[in-house]
N, C-alpha and C. Protein backbone atom coordinates (compact mmCIF):
# COMPACT_ATOMS: atom_id res chain seq x y z
N UNK A 1 0.80 -1.15 0.00
CA UNK A 1 0.00 0.00 0.00
C UNK A 1 0.86 1.24 0.00
N UNK A 2 1.32 1.50 -1.02
CA UNK A 2 2.14 2.68 -1.20
C UNK A 2 1.24 3.88 -1.41
N UNK A 3 1.55 4.89 -0.72
CA UNK A 3 0.74 6.10 -0.78
C UNK A 3 1.40 7.06 -1.77
N UNK A 4 0.57 7.79 -2.36
CA UNK A 4 1.08 8.76 -3.31
C UNK A 4 1.47 10.03 -2.59
N UNK A 5 2.16 10.84 -3.32
CA UNK A 5 2.64 12.10 -2.76
C UNK A 5 1.46 12.95 -2.35
N UNK A 6 0.41 12.98 -3.12
CA UNK A 6 -0.76 13.79 -2.85
C UNK A 6 -1.44 13.30 -1.57
N UNK A 7 -1.53 12.01 -1.38
CA UNK A 7 -2.15 11.45 -0.19
C UNK A 7 -1.33 11.81 1.06
N UNK A 8 -0.03 11.74 0.90
CA UNK A 8 0.83 12.10 2.03
C UNK A 8 0.69 13.58 2.38
N UNK A 9 0.58 14.43 1.39
CA UNK A 9 0.42 15.86 1.64
C UNK A 9 -0.92 16.12 2.34
N UNK A 10 -1.96 15.42 1.92
CA UNK A 10 -3.26 15.57 2.57
C UNK A 10 -3.19 15.09 4.03
N UNK A 11 -2.48 13.99 4.22
CA UNK A 11 -2.29 13.48 5.58
C UNK A 11 -1.54 14.50 6.43
N UNK A 12 -0.52 15.14 5.87
CA UNK A 12 0.26 16.15 6.60
C UNK A 12 -0.64 17.33 6.95
N UNK A 13 -1.47 17.78 6.03
CA UNK A 13 -2.37 18.91 6.27
C UNK A 13 -3.35 18.55 7.38
N UNK A 14 -3.93 17.34 7.29
CA UNK A 14 -4.88 16.94 8.33
C UNK A 14 -4.19 16.81 9.70
N UNK A 15 -2.96 16.28 9.73
CA UNK A 15 -2.21 16.17 10.99
C UNK A 15 -1.86 17.56 11.53
N UNK A 16 -1.53 18.51 10.63
CA UNK A 16 -1.25 19.88 11.08
C UNK A 16 -2.49 20.51 11.68
N UNK A 17 -3.69 20.22 11.10
CA UNK A 17 -4.94 20.72 11.67
C UNK A 17 -5.16 20.13 13.07
N UNK A 18 -4.90 18.84 13.18
CA UNK A 18 -5.06 18.17 14.48
C UNK A 18 -4.09 18.77 15.50
N UNK A 19 -2.84 19.01 15.06
CA UNK A 19 -1.84 19.62 15.97
C UNK A 19 -2.29 21.02 16.37
N UNK A 20 -2.82 21.79 15.42
CA UNK A 20 -3.33 23.14 15.72
C UNK A 20 -4.46 23.09 16.73
N UNK A 21 -5.39 22.14 16.54
CA UNK A 21 -6.49 21.99 17.49
C UNK A 21 -5.97 21.59 18.89
N UNK A 22 -4.98 20.69 18.91
CA UNK A 22 -4.43 20.26 20.20
C UNK A 22 -3.70 21.41 20.89
N UNK A 23 -2.98 22.24 20.09
CA UNK A 23 -2.31 23.42 20.67
C UNK A 23 -3.36 24.36 21.26
N UNK A 24 -4.47 24.56 20.52
CA UNK A 24 -5.54 25.43 21.04
C UNK A 24 -6.12 24.84 22.32
N UNK A 25 -6.33 23.51 22.37
CA UNK A 25 -6.84 22.87 23.58
C UNK A 25 -5.87 23.04 24.75
N UNK A 26 -4.58 22.90 24.46
CA UNK A 26 -3.56 23.08 25.51
C UNK A 26 -3.61 24.52 26.02
N UNK A 27 -3.71 25.47 25.12
CA UNK A 27 -3.79 26.89 25.51
C UNK A 27 -5.04 27.14 26.34
N UNK A 28 -6.17 26.59 25.90
CA UNK A 28 -7.42 26.75 26.66
C UNK A 28 -7.31 26.12 28.05
N UNK A 29 -6.70 24.95 28.12
CA UNK A 29 -6.53 24.29 29.43
C UNK A 29 -5.61 25.10 30.34
N UNK A 30 -4.55 25.69 29.77
CA UNK A 30 -3.65 26.53 30.57
C UNK A 30 -4.39 27.75 31.11
N UNK A 31 -5.21 28.38 30.26
CA UNK A 31 -6.02 29.53 30.71
C UNK A 31 -7.01 29.10 31.79
N UNK A 32 -7.63 27.94 31.58
CA UNK A 32 -8.57 27.43 32.56
C UNK A 32 -7.88 27.17 33.90
N UNK A 33 -6.69 26.59 33.84
CA UNK A 33 -5.93 26.33 35.07
C UNK A 33 -5.57 27.63 35.77
N UNK A 34 -5.16 28.62 34.98
CA UNK A 34 -4.82 29.92 35.57
C UNK A 34 -6.04 30.56 36.22
N UNK A 35 -7.18 30.49 35.56
CA UNK A 35 -8.42 31.04 36.12
C UNK A 35 -8.83 30.27 37.37
N UNK A 36 -8.59 28.96 37.38
CA UNK A 36 -8.92 28.15 38.55
C UNK A 36 -8.08 28.58 39.73
N UNK A 37 -6.78 28.85 39.49
CA UNK A 37 -5.93 29.35 40.57
C UNK A 37 -6.49 30.65 41.14
N UNK A 38 -6.93 31.55 40.24
CA UNK A 38 -7.46 32.83 40.69
C UNK A 38 -8.76 32.67 41.45
N UNK A 39 -9.69 31.84 40.92
CA UNK A 39 -10.99 31.67 41.55
C UNK A 39 -10.89 30.97 42.90
N UNK A 40 -10.08 29.98 42.99
CA UNK A 40 -9.97 29.22 44.24
C UNK A 40 -8.88 29.78 45.14
N UNK A 41 -8.23 30.81 44.68
CA UNK A 41 -7.13 31.45 45.42
C UNK A 41 -6.06 30.44 45.78
N UNK A 42 -5.73 29.62 44.81
CA UNK A 42 -4.69 28.62 44.99
C UNK A 42 -3.35 29.29 44.75
N UNK A 43 -2.38 28.99 45.59
CA UNK A 43 -1.05 29.56 45.44
C UNK A 43 -0.07 28.46 45.07
N UNK A 44 1.04 28.89 44.55
CA UNK A 44 2.05 27.91 44.15
C UNK A 44 2.68 27.28 45.39
N UNK A 45 3.37 26.21 45.21
CA UNK A 45 4.01 25.49 46.31
C UNK A 45 5.03 26.37 47.02
N UNK A 46 5.78 27.16 46.26
CA UNK A 46 6.80 28.05 46.84
C UNK A 46 6.13 29.12 47.70
N UNK A 47 5.06 29.72 47.17
CA UNK A 47 4.34 30.74 47.94
C UNK A 47 3.71 30.12 49.19
N UNK A 48 3.18 28.91 49.05
CA UNK A 48 2.59 28.22 50.19
C UNK A 48 3.62 28.00 51.30
N UNK A 49 4.79 27.53 50.92
CA UNK A 49 5.85 27.28 51.91
C UNK A 49 6.26 28.58 52.60
N UNK A 50 6.37 29.65 51.82
CA UNK A 50 6.74 30.95 52.39
C UNK A 50 5.67 31.42 53.38
N UNK A 51 4.41 31.31 52.98
CA UNK A 51 3.32 31.70 53.87
C UNK A 51 3.28 30.85 55.13
N UNK A 52 3.52 29.56 54.98
CA UNK A 52 3.53 28.67 56.14
C UNK A 52 4.66 29.04 57.10
N UNK A 53 5.84 29.32 56.56
CA UNK A 53 6.98 29.71 57.40
C UNK A 53 6.70 31.03 58.11
N UNK A 54 6.12 31.99 57.38
CA UNK A 54 5.77 33.27 58.01
C UNK A 54 4.75 33.07 59.13
N UNK A 55 3.78 32.21 58.88
CA UNK A 55 2.76 31.91 59.88
C UNK A 55 3.39 31.31 61.14
N UNK A 56 4.28 30.37 60.97
CA UNK A 56 4.97 29.75 62.12
C UNK A 56 5.78 30.79 62.89
N UNK A 57 6.46 31.67 62.16
CA UNK A 57 7.27 32.71 62.80
C UNK A 57 6.39 33.61 63.66
N UNK A 58 5.26 34.08 63.10
CA UNK A 58 4.38 34.97 63.85
C UNK A 58 3.70 34.25 65.01
N UNK A 59 3.40 32.99 64.85
CA UNK A 59 2.85 32.22 65.98
C UNK A 59 3.86 32.16 67.12
N UNK A 60 5.11 31.90 66.79
CA UNK A 60 6.16 31.84 67.81
C UNK A 60 6.34 33.18 68.49
N UNK A 61 6.32 34.27 67.70
CA UNK A 61 6.46 35.60 68.28
C UNK A 61 5.31 35.91 69.23
N UNK A 62 4.10 35.54 68.81
CA UNK A 62 2.93 35.76 69.65
C UNK A 62 3.02 34.96 70.95
N UNK A 63 3.48 33.73 70.84
CA UNK A 63 3.63 32.89 72.04
C UNK A 63 4.64 33.50 73.00
N UNK A 64 5.75 34.01 72.46
CA UNK A 64 6.76 34.66 73.31
C UNK A 64 6.18 35.89 74.01
N UNK A 65 5.40 36.69 73.29
CA UNK A 65 4.77 37.86 73.91
C UNK A 65 3.81 37.46 75.01
N UNK A 66 3.02 36.43 74.75
CA UNK A 66 2.06 35.96 75.76
C UNK A 66 2.79 35.49 77.01
N UNK A 67 3.86 34.73 76.82
CA UNK A 67 4.62 34.22 77.96
C UNK A 67 5.27 35.35 78.74
N UNK A 68 5.87 36.31 78.04
CA UNK A 68 6.54 37.41 78.75
C UNK A 68 5.53 38.28 79.48
N UNK A 69 4.37 38.56 78.84
CA UNK A 69 3.34 39.34 79.53
C UNK A 69 2.76 38.57 80.70
N UNK A 70 2.62 37.27 80.55
CA UNK A 70 2.11 36.45 81.64
C UNK A 70 3.05 36.47 82.84
N UNK A 71 4.35 36.39 82.57
CA UNK A 71 5.33 36.44 83.65
C UNK A 71 5.30 37.79 84.35
N UNK A 72 5.20 38.88 83.55
CA UNK A 72 5.16 40.21 84.15
C UNK A 72 3.88 40.39 84.95
N UNK A 73 2.78 39.87 84.44
CA UNK A 73 1.51 39.96 85.16
C UNK A 73 1.59 39.21 86.48
N UNK A 74 2.20 38.03 86.48
CA UNK A 74 2.35 37.27 87.71
C UNK A 74 3.22 38.03 88.71
N UNK A 75 4.31 38.64 88.20
CA UNK A 75 5.19 39.42 89.07
C UNK A 75 4.43 40.58 89.72
N UNK A 76 3.64 41.30 88.91
CA UNK A 76 2.86 42.43 89.44
C UNK A 76 1.82 41.94 90.45
N UNK A 77 1.16 40.82 90.13
CA UNK A 77 0.16 40.28 91.04
C UNK A 77 0.79 39.91 92.38
N UNK A 78 1.97 39.27 92.35
CA UNK A 78 2.67 38.92 93.58
C UNK A 78 3.05 40.16 94.37
N UNK A 79 3.53 41.19 93.65
CA UNK A 79 3.91 42.44 94.32
C UNK A 79 2.68 43.08 94.99
N UNK A 80 1.56 43.09 94.28
CA UNK A 80 0.34 43.66 94.86
C UNK A 80 -0.14 42.84 96.04
N UNK A 81 -0.07 41.52 95.94
CA UNK A 81 -0.46 40.68 97.06
C UNK A 81 0.42 40.94 98.27
N UNK A 82 1.73 41.11 98.04
CA UNK A 82 2.64 41.42 99.15
C UNK A 82 2.29 42.76 99.79
N UNK A 83 1.97 43.76 98.95
CA UNK A 83 1.59 45.07 99.50
C UNK A 83 0.31 44.97 100.31
N UNK A 84 -0.65 44.21 99.81
CA UNK A 84 -1.91 44.06 100.53
C UNK A 84 -1.67 43.39 101.88
N UNK A 85 -0.86 42.33 101.89
CA UNK A 85 -0.54 41.65 103.15
C UNK A 85 0.16 42.60 104.11
N UNK A 86 1.09 43.40 103.58
CA UNK A 86 1.83 44.35 104.41
C UNK A 86 0.87 45.36 105.04
N UNK A 87 -0.04 45.93 104.22
CA UNK A 87 -0.98 46.92 104.73
C UNK A 87 -1.96 46.29 105.71
N UNK A 88 -2.38 45.06 105.44
CA UNK A 88 -3.29 44.39 106.38
C UNK A 88 -2.60 44.14 107.72
N UNK A 89 -1.32 43.75 107.67
CA UNK A 89 -0.61 43.54 108.93
C UNK A 89 -0.43 44.85 109.68
N UNK A 90 -0.19 45.95 108.96
CA UNK A 90 -0.08 47.25 109.61
C UNK A 90 -1.41 47.65 110.24
N UNK A 91 -2.51 47.37 109.52
CA UNK A 91 -3.83 47.69 110.07
C UNK A 91 -4.09 46.89 111.35
N UNK A 92 -3.70 45.62 111.33
CA UNK A 92 -3.90 44.79 112.52
C UNK A 92 -3.05 45.31 113.68
N UNK A 93 -1.81 45.72 113.38
CA UNK A 93 -0.95 46.27 114.42
C UNK A 93 -1.54 47.54 115.00
N UNK A 94 -2.09 48.40 114.13
CA UNK A 94 -2.71 49.64 114.62
C UNK A 94 -3.93 49.34 115.48
N UNK A 95 -4.75 48.38 115.05
CA UNK A 95 -5.92 48.01 115.85
C UNK A 95 -5.49 47.46 117.22
N UNK A 96 -4.45 46.60 117.19
CA UNK A 96 -3.95 46.04 118.45
C UNK A 96 -3.41 47.15 119.33
N UNK A 97 -2.70 48.10 118.74
CA UNK A 97 -2.15 49.22 119.51
C UNK A 97 -3.28 50.06 120.09
N UNK A 98 -4.30 50.32 119.25
CA UNK A 98 -5.44 51.12 119.70
C UNK A 98 -6.17 50.40 120.84
N UNK A 99 -6.40 49.10 120.69
CA UNK A 99 -7.04 48.33 121.75
C UNK A 99 -6.16 48.24 122.99
N UNK A 100 -4.86 48.16 122.76
CA UNK A 100 -3.92 48.11 123.88
C UNK A 100 -3.95 49.39 124.68
N UNK A 101 -4.08 50.53 124.01
CA UNK A 101 -4.16 51.79 124.73
C UNK A 101 -5.41 51.86 125.59
N UNK A 102 -6.50 51.32 125.07
CA UNK A 102 -7.74 51.34 125.84
C UNK A 102 -7.62 50.44 127.07
N UNK A 103 -6.95 49.31 126.88
CA UNK A 103 -6.89 48.37 127.99
C UNK A 103 -5.77 48.68 128.97
N UNK A 104 -4.81 49.50 128.59
CA UNK A 104 -3.70 49.81 129.49
C UNK A 104 -4.20 50.61 130.70
N UNK A 105 -4.99 51.64 130.45
CA UNK A 105 -5.46 52.47 131.54
C UNK A 105 -6.91 52.86 131.30
N UNK A 106 -7.81 52.06 131.79
CA UNK A 106 -9.21 52.42 131.61
C UNK A 106 -9.53 53.72 132.34
N UNK A 107 -10.38 54.50 131.73
CA UNK A 107 -10.73 55.78 132.31
C UNK A 107 -11.54 55.59 133.60
N UNK A 108 -11.09 56.28 134.63
CA UNK A 108 -11.78 56.30 135.91
C UNK A 108 -11.96 54.90 136.49
N UNK A 109 -10.87 54.17 136.53
CA UNK A 109 -10.88 52.79 136.99
C UNK A 109 -11.34 52.66 138.45
N UNK A 110 -10.89 53.57 139.32
CA UNK A 110 -11.24 53.50 140.76
C UNK A 110 -12.47 54.32 141.08
N UNK A 111 -13.10 54.80 139.98
CA UNK A 111 -14.25 55.68 140.16
C UNK A 111 -13.85 56.95 140.88
N UNK A 112 -12.64 57.39 140.58
CA UNK A 112 -12.12 58.59 141.21
C UNK A 112 -12.44 59.80 140.34
N UNK A 113 -12.29 60.96 140.89
CA UNK A 113 -12.48 62.19 140.13
C UNK A 113 -13.90 62.67 140.19
N UNK A 114 -14.15 63.71 139.42
CA UNK A 114 -15.46 64.34 139.43
C UNK A 114 -16.49 63.43 138.79
N UNK A 115 -17.61 63.28 139.41
CA UNK A 115 -18.67 62.44 138.89
C UNK A 115 -19.39 63.18 137.77
N UNK A 116 -19.81 62.43 136.75
CA UNK A 116 -20.49 63.05 135.62
C UNK A 116 -21.91 63.40 135.99
N UNK A 117 -22.40 64.51 135.45
CA UNK A 117 -23.76 64.96 135.75
C UNK A 117 -24.78 64.40 134.76
N UNK A 118 -24.23 63.87 133.66
CA UNK A 118 -25.17 63.42 132.62
C UNK A 118 -24.98 61.93 132.36
N UNK A 119 -26.06 61.28 132.00
CA UNK A 119 -25.99 59.85 131.69
C UNK A 119 -26.02 59.65 130.17
N UNK A 120 -26.03 58.38 129.74
CA UNK A 120 -25.96 58.08 128.31
C UNK A 120 -27.22 58.54 127.56
N UNK A 121 -28.34 58.58 128.25
CA UNK A 121 -29.58 59.04 127.62
C UNK A 121 -29.48 60.53 127.29
N UNK A 122 -28.92 61.30 128.22
CA UNK A 122 -28.76 62.74 127.99
C UNK A 122 -27.76 62.99 126.85
N UNK A 123 -26.71 62.17 126.80
CA UNK A 123 -25.73 62.31 125.72
C UNK A 123 -26.39 62.07 124.37
N UNK A 124 -27.16 60.99 124.24
CA UNK A 124 -27.81 60.69 122.97
C UNK A 124 -28.84 61.77 122.62
N UNK A 125 -29.54 62.31 123.64
CA UNK A 125 -30.51 63.38 123.39
C UNK A 125 -29.81 64.63 122.87
N UNK A 126 -28.66 64.98 123.46
CA UNK A 126 -27.91 66.16 123.02
C UNK A 126 -27.41 65.97 121.58
N UNK A 127 -26.94 64.79 121.26
CA UNK A 127 -26.47 64.52 119.89
C UNK A 127 -27.63 64.58 118.90
N UNK A 128 -28.80 64.06 119.28
CA UNK A 128 -29.98 64.13 118.41
C UNK A 128 -30.41 65.57 118.17
N UNK A 129 -30.38 66.37 119.23
CA UNK A 129 -30.75 67.78 119.08
C UNK A 129 -29.78 68.49 118.12
N UNK A 130 -28.51 68.19 118.24
CA UNK A 130 -27.51 68.82 117.36
C UNK A 130 -27.74 68.40 115.91
N UNK A 131 -28.05 67.10 115.70
CA UNK A 131 -28.31 66.62 114.35
C UNK A 131 -29.57 67.25 113.76
N UNK A 132 -30.52 67.57 114.63
CA UNK A 132 -31.76 68.19 114.15
C UNK A 132 -31.57 69.65 113.79
N UNK A 133 -30.39 70.23 114.12
CA UNK A 133 -30.09 71.58 113.66
C UNK A 133 -29.99 72.62 114.77
N UNK A 134 -30.14 72.22 116.00
CA UNK A 134 -30.02 73.19 117.09
C UNK A 134 -28.57 73.60 117.28
N UNK A 135 -28.35 74.81 117.73
CA UNK A 135 -26.99 75.28 118.00
C UNK A 135 -26.55 74.77 119.37
N UNK A 136 -25.24 74.88 119.61
CA UNK A 136 -24.70 74.44 120.91
C UNK A 136 -25.31 75.28 122.04
N UNK A 137 -25.47 76.56 121.82
CA UNK A 137 -26.05 77.45 122.85
C UNK A 137 -27.48 77.04 123.18
N UNK A 138 -28.28 76.74 122.15
CA UNK A 138 -29.67 76.34 122.38
C UNK A 138 -29.75 75.02 123.14
N UNK A 139 -28.86 74.06 122.79
CA UNK A 139 -28.85 72.77 123.47
C UNK A 139 -28.48 72.96 124.94
N UNK A 140 -27.45 73.77 125.19
CA UNK A 140 -27.02 74.03 126.58
C UNK A 140 -28.14 74.65 127.39
N UNK A 141 -28.84 75.60 126.81
CA UNK A 141 -29.93 76.28 127.51
C UNK A 141 -31.09 75.32 127.77
N UNK A 142 -31.43 74.49 126.76
CA UNK A 142 -32.55 73.56 126.87
C UNK A 142 -32.28 72.49 127.92
N UNK A 143 -31.05 71.96 127.94
CA UNK A 143 -30.74 70.85 128.83
C UNK A 143 -30.20 71.30 130.18
N UNK A 144 -29.92 72.59 130.31
CA UNK A 144 -29.42 73.10 131.59
C UNK A 144 -27.96 72.71 131.84
N UNK A 145 -27.16 72.66 130.77
CA UNK A 145 -25.75 72.29 130.88
C UNK A 145 -24.87 73.45 130.47
N UNK A 146 -23.61 73.36 130.85
CA UNK A 146 -22.65 74.38 130.44
C UNK A 146 -22.33 74.19 128.95
N UNK A 147 -21.98 75.28 128.30
CA UNK A 147 -21.68 75.24 126.87
C UNK A 147 -20.51 74.29 126.58
N UNK A 148 -19.48 74.30 127.40
CA UNK A 148 -18.33 73.42 127.23
C UNK A 148 -18.71 71.95 127.35
N UNK A 149 -19.62 71.65 128.25
CA UNK A 149 -20.09 70.28 128.44
C UNK A 149 -20.83 69.81 127.19
N UNK A 150 -21.64 70.68 126.61
CA UNK A 150 -22.39 70.32 125.40
C UNK A 150 -21.41 70.04 124.25
N UNK A 151 -20.41 70.94 124.11
CA UNK A 151 -19.39 70.70 123.07
C UNK A 151 -18.72 69.34 123.28
N UNK A 152 -18.40 69.06 124.51
CA UNK A 152 -17.68 67.83 124.84
C UNK A 152 -18.51 66.58 124.52
N UNK A 153 -19.78 66.56 124.95
CA UNK A 153 -20.55 65.34 124.77
C UNK A 153 -21.02 65.18 123.30
N UNK A 154 -21.29 66.28 122.61
CA UNK A 154 -21.75 66.18 121.20
C UNK A 154 -20.60 65.73 120.31
N UNK A 155 -19.41 66.20 120.57
CA UNK A 155 -18.25 65.89 119.72
C UNK A 155 -17.49 64.62 120.15
N UNK A 156 -17.95 63.95 121.20
CA UNK A 156 -17.23 62.74 121.64
C UNK A 156 -17.75 61.52 120.92
């Protein structure tokens, strides 16, 4: 089956058409692949590795910041706790000192000295009158007490 020159030329033309169509298909597939990368936001392997490395770096940096801030926060919390304990102990010492002063020498222990003319009811009445707006002079006149005595019992 020997082919003639004309048949071979026709075969070459048809094969060139097929090659042209295949080149067009390859070009279309390349464009489709490029569009697919854009639509799906697919990145190349090199870009992916770079992004992954950057992500790891920033994660590590963030972890270091969290750890350092956590340590500083713990330090500050311990310092504040120590200050609170110190102030509480000082408050307790002051209360003990204040109570100690009261218990060291109770006032009028032997019932010595001048006896008071007024009782606790009169003291509360004088304080109520002062809170209601009366002046010290009016309270002294009303209760029959000296002005100094009224000052003393109202302000005690």
